[in-house]
Amino acid sequence: MPVMPGPKKAKKKIQIIETAEDLFTKHGMKRITVEEICQKAGVSKMTFYKYFSNKVELAKYIWRMWLEEGIKEVDRIDEMNVPFPEKLEMILKYKLEFASNWNPDFLAELLSLDIPLEEGKREAIYVPIYVLNFLWRPMTNCLNWQRMKI
């Protein structure tokens, strides 16, 4: 039977992830070192390497975590009993709020990584992204217009 990590081990992994997420989204991945992540997270490099082989693997982990959260949020919105245009607006607002905190360099770095997705998730992610990107500009223009109107 596999040994489950104790609360202390899980806490350290979470500290590493949250710290890296904060640093990467503010400064990009290339500018941040493993040493900086460890220092700000209050963990040793040995602890870091126990969970992640390098900062790129950590960034991939964060990316997958964000995709999972995004899918859950879109599913939550989809299950709501509201008209489609409202659902679409909620999804676009979520995407806008989520992405507004990212450093553009980090987004470019993430997109340049080869991050394989589990089978079946490609369709679940890429089709909605294609549709959302197709509708993104007109919808954000509409949202901006509504904000100015208020």
Protein backbone atom coordinates (compact mmCIF):
# COMPACT_ATOMS: atom_id res chain seq x y z
CA MET A 1 0.00 0.00 0.00
CA PRO A 2 1.49 3.40 -0.94
CA VAL A 3 2.46 5.70 1.89
CA MET A 4 0.48 8.92 1.84
CA PRO A 5 2.48 12.08 2.48
CA GLY A 6 1.95 13.54 5.92
CA PRO A 7 0.42 16.97 6.47
CA LYS A 8 3.87 18.53 6.86
CA LYS A 9 5.07 17.13 3.50
CA ALA A 10 1.87 18.19 1.73
CA LYS A 11 2.17 21.66 3.27
CA LYS A 12 5.70 22.07 1.92
CA LYS A 13 4.66 21.01 -1.58
CA ILE A 14 1.77 23.49 -1.46
CA GLN A 15 4.16 26.22 -0.29
CA ILE A 16 6.45 25.52 -3.25
CA ILE A 17 3.55 25.56 -5.73
CA GLU A 18 1.95 28.73 -4.36
CA THR A 19 5.28 30.55 -4.19
CA ALA A 20 6.26 29.55 -7.71
CA GLU A 21 2.82 30.47 -9.02
CA ASP A 22 3.15 33.93 -7.46
CA LEU A 23 6.71 34.48 -8.72
CA PHE A 24 6.11 33.07 -12.21
CA THR A 25 2.96 35.09 -12.79
CA LYS A 26 4.69 38.30 -11.66
CA HIS A 27 8.10 37.89 -13.29
CA GLY A 28 7.98 35.03 -15.78
CA MET A 29 9.63 31.65 -15.40
CA LYS A 30 13.04 32.38 -16.95
CA ARG A 31 13.83 35.16 -14.50
CA ILE A 32 13.06 33.07 -11.40
CA THR A 33 15.49 30.50 -10.02
CA VAL A 34 14.80 27.37 -7.99
CA GLU A 35 16.81 29.01 -5.21
CA GLU A 36 14.46 32.03 -5.17
CA ILE A 37 11.41 29.76 -5.03
CA CYS A 38 12.89 27.79 -2.15
CA GLN A 39 13.94 30.91 -0.26
CA LYS A 40 10.51 32.56 -0.53
CA ALA A 41 8.69 29.28 0.21
CA GLY A 42 10.87 28.60 3.26
CA VAL A 43 11.99 25.17 2.06
CA SER A 44 15.33 23.65 1.16
CA LYS A 45 16.40 22.83 -2.38
CA MET A 46 16.40 19.19 -1.32
CA THR A 47 12.69 19.49 -0.49
CA PHE A 48 12.03 21.19 -3.83
CA TYR A 49 13.76 18.40 -5.75
CA LYS A 50 11.82 15.79 -3.78
CA TYR A 51 8.66 17.04 -5.51
CA PHE A 52 9.87 18.51 -8.82
CA SER A 53 12.88 17.72 -11.00
CA ASN A 54 13.23 21.38 -12.08
CA LYS A 55 11.30 24.64 -12.40
CA VAL A 56 9.98 23.68 -15.85
CA GLU A 57 8.32 20.58 -14.39
CA LEU A 58 6.89 22.77 -11.64
CA ALA A 59 5.52 25.20 -14.26
CA LYS A 60 3.94 22.27 -16.12
CA TYR A 61 2.36 21.12 -12.86
CA ILE A 62 0.95 24.61 -12.28
CA TRP A 63 -0.36 24.74 -15.87
CA ARG A 64 -2.16 21.39 -15.46
CA MET A 65 -3.56 22.57 -12.13
CA TRP A 66 -4.90 25.73 -13.79
CA LEU A 67 -6.45 23.70 -16.62
CA GLU A 68 -8.19 21.43 -14.11
CA GLU A 69 -9.51 24.46 -12.20
CA GLY A 70 -10.65 26.07 -15.45
CA ILE A 71 -12.47 22.94 -16.59
CA LYS A 72 -14.21 22.67 -13.21
CA GLU A 73 -15.26 26.33 -13.36
CA VAL A 74 -16.59 26.01 -16.92
CA ASP A 75 -18.46 22.85 -15.92
CA ARG A 76 -19.91 24.66 -12.88
CA ILE A 77 -21.08 27.54 -15.08
CA ASP A 78 -22.43 25.13 -17.69
CA GLU A 79 -24.59 23.40 -15.08
CA MET A 80 -26.23 26.69 -14.08
CA ASN A 81 -29.80 27.26 -15.14
CA VAL A 82 -29.15 30.51 -17.01
CA PRO A 83 -29.39 31.43 -20.70
CA PHE A 84 -26.43 30.63 -22.94
CA PRO A 85 -25.36 34.28 -23.46
CA GLU A 86 -25.06 34.69 -19.66
CA LYS A 87 -23.02 31.49 -19.42
CA LEU A 88 -20.73 32.70 -22.16
CA GLU A 89 -20.32 36.06 -20.45
CA MET A 90 -19.49 34.34 -17.14
CA ILE A 91 -16.92 32.10 -18.81
CA LEU A 92 -15.30 35.04 -20.55
CA LYS A 93 -15.24 37.10 -17.34
CA TYR A 94 -13.61 34.15 -15.55
CA LYS A 95 -11.00 33.85 -18.30
CA LEU A 96 -10.34 37.59 -18.28
CA GLU A 97 -9.99 37.80 -14.48
CA PHE A 98 -7.82 34.71 -14.37
CA ALA A 99 -5.46 35.79 -17.15
CA SER A 100 -5.25 39.43 -16.06
CA ASN A 101 -2.80 38.50 -13.30
CA TRP A 102 -0.32 36.77 -15.61
CA ASN A 103 2.98 38.15 -16.76
CA PRO A 104 2.89 37.94 -20.58
CA ASP A 105 6.36 36.37 -20.56
CA PHE A 106 5.15 33.54 -18.36
CA LEU A 107 2.20 32.85 -20.63
CA ALA A 108 4.52 32.75 -23.67
CA GLU A 109 6.91 30.45 -21.77
CA LEU A 110 4.06 28.12 -20.80
CA LEU A 111 2.70 27.97 -24.32
CA SER A 112 6.16 27.10 -25.66
CA LEU A 113 6.40 24.04 -23.39
CA ASP A 114 5.31 20.66 -24.66
CA ILE A 115 2.74 19.77 -22.03
CA PRO A 116 0.97 16.52 -22.86
CA LEU A 117 -2.63 16.26 -21.74
CA GLU A 118 -4.44 13.14 -20.65
CA GLU A 119 -6.29 11.39 -23.46
CA GLY A 120 -9.75 12.84 -23.89
CA LYS A 121 -8.87 16.17 -22.30
CA ARG A 122 -7.51 17.59 -25.53
CA GLU A 123 -10.99 17.83 -26.99
CA ALA A 124 -12.42 19.05 -23.70
CA ILE A 125 -9.88 21.88 -23.62
CA TYR A 126 -9.00 22.79 -27.19
CA VAL A 127 -12.51 22.98 -28.64
CA PRO A 128 -13.76 25.40 -25.96
CA ILE A 129 -10.52 27.40 -26.23
CA TYR A 130 -10.98 27.66 -30.00
CA VAL A 131 -14.58 28.76 -29.57
CA LEU A 132 -13.71 31.18 -26.76
CA ASN A 133 -10.82 32.67 -28.71
CA PHE A 134 -13.08 33.09 -31.72
CA LEU A 135 -15.61 34.93 -29.55
CA TRP A 136 -13.07 36.62 -27.27
CA ARG A 137 -12.58 39.96 -29.04
CA PRO A 138 -16.26 40.68 -29.78
CA MET A 139 -17.29 39.62 -26.28
CA THR A 140 -14.63 41.68 -24.50
CA ASN A 141 -15.61 44.67 -26.63
CA CYS A 142 -19.18 44.10 -25.51
CA LEU A 143 -18.14 43.79 -21.85
CA ASN A 144 -16.03 46.96 -22.09
CA TRP A 145 -18.94 48.78 -23.68
CA GLN A 146 -21.26 47.62 -20.88
CA ARG A 147 -18.78 48.81 -18.22
CA MET A 148 -18.53 52.23 -19.88
CA LYS A 149 -22.31 52.42 -20.13
CA ILE A 150 -22.78 51.95 -16.35
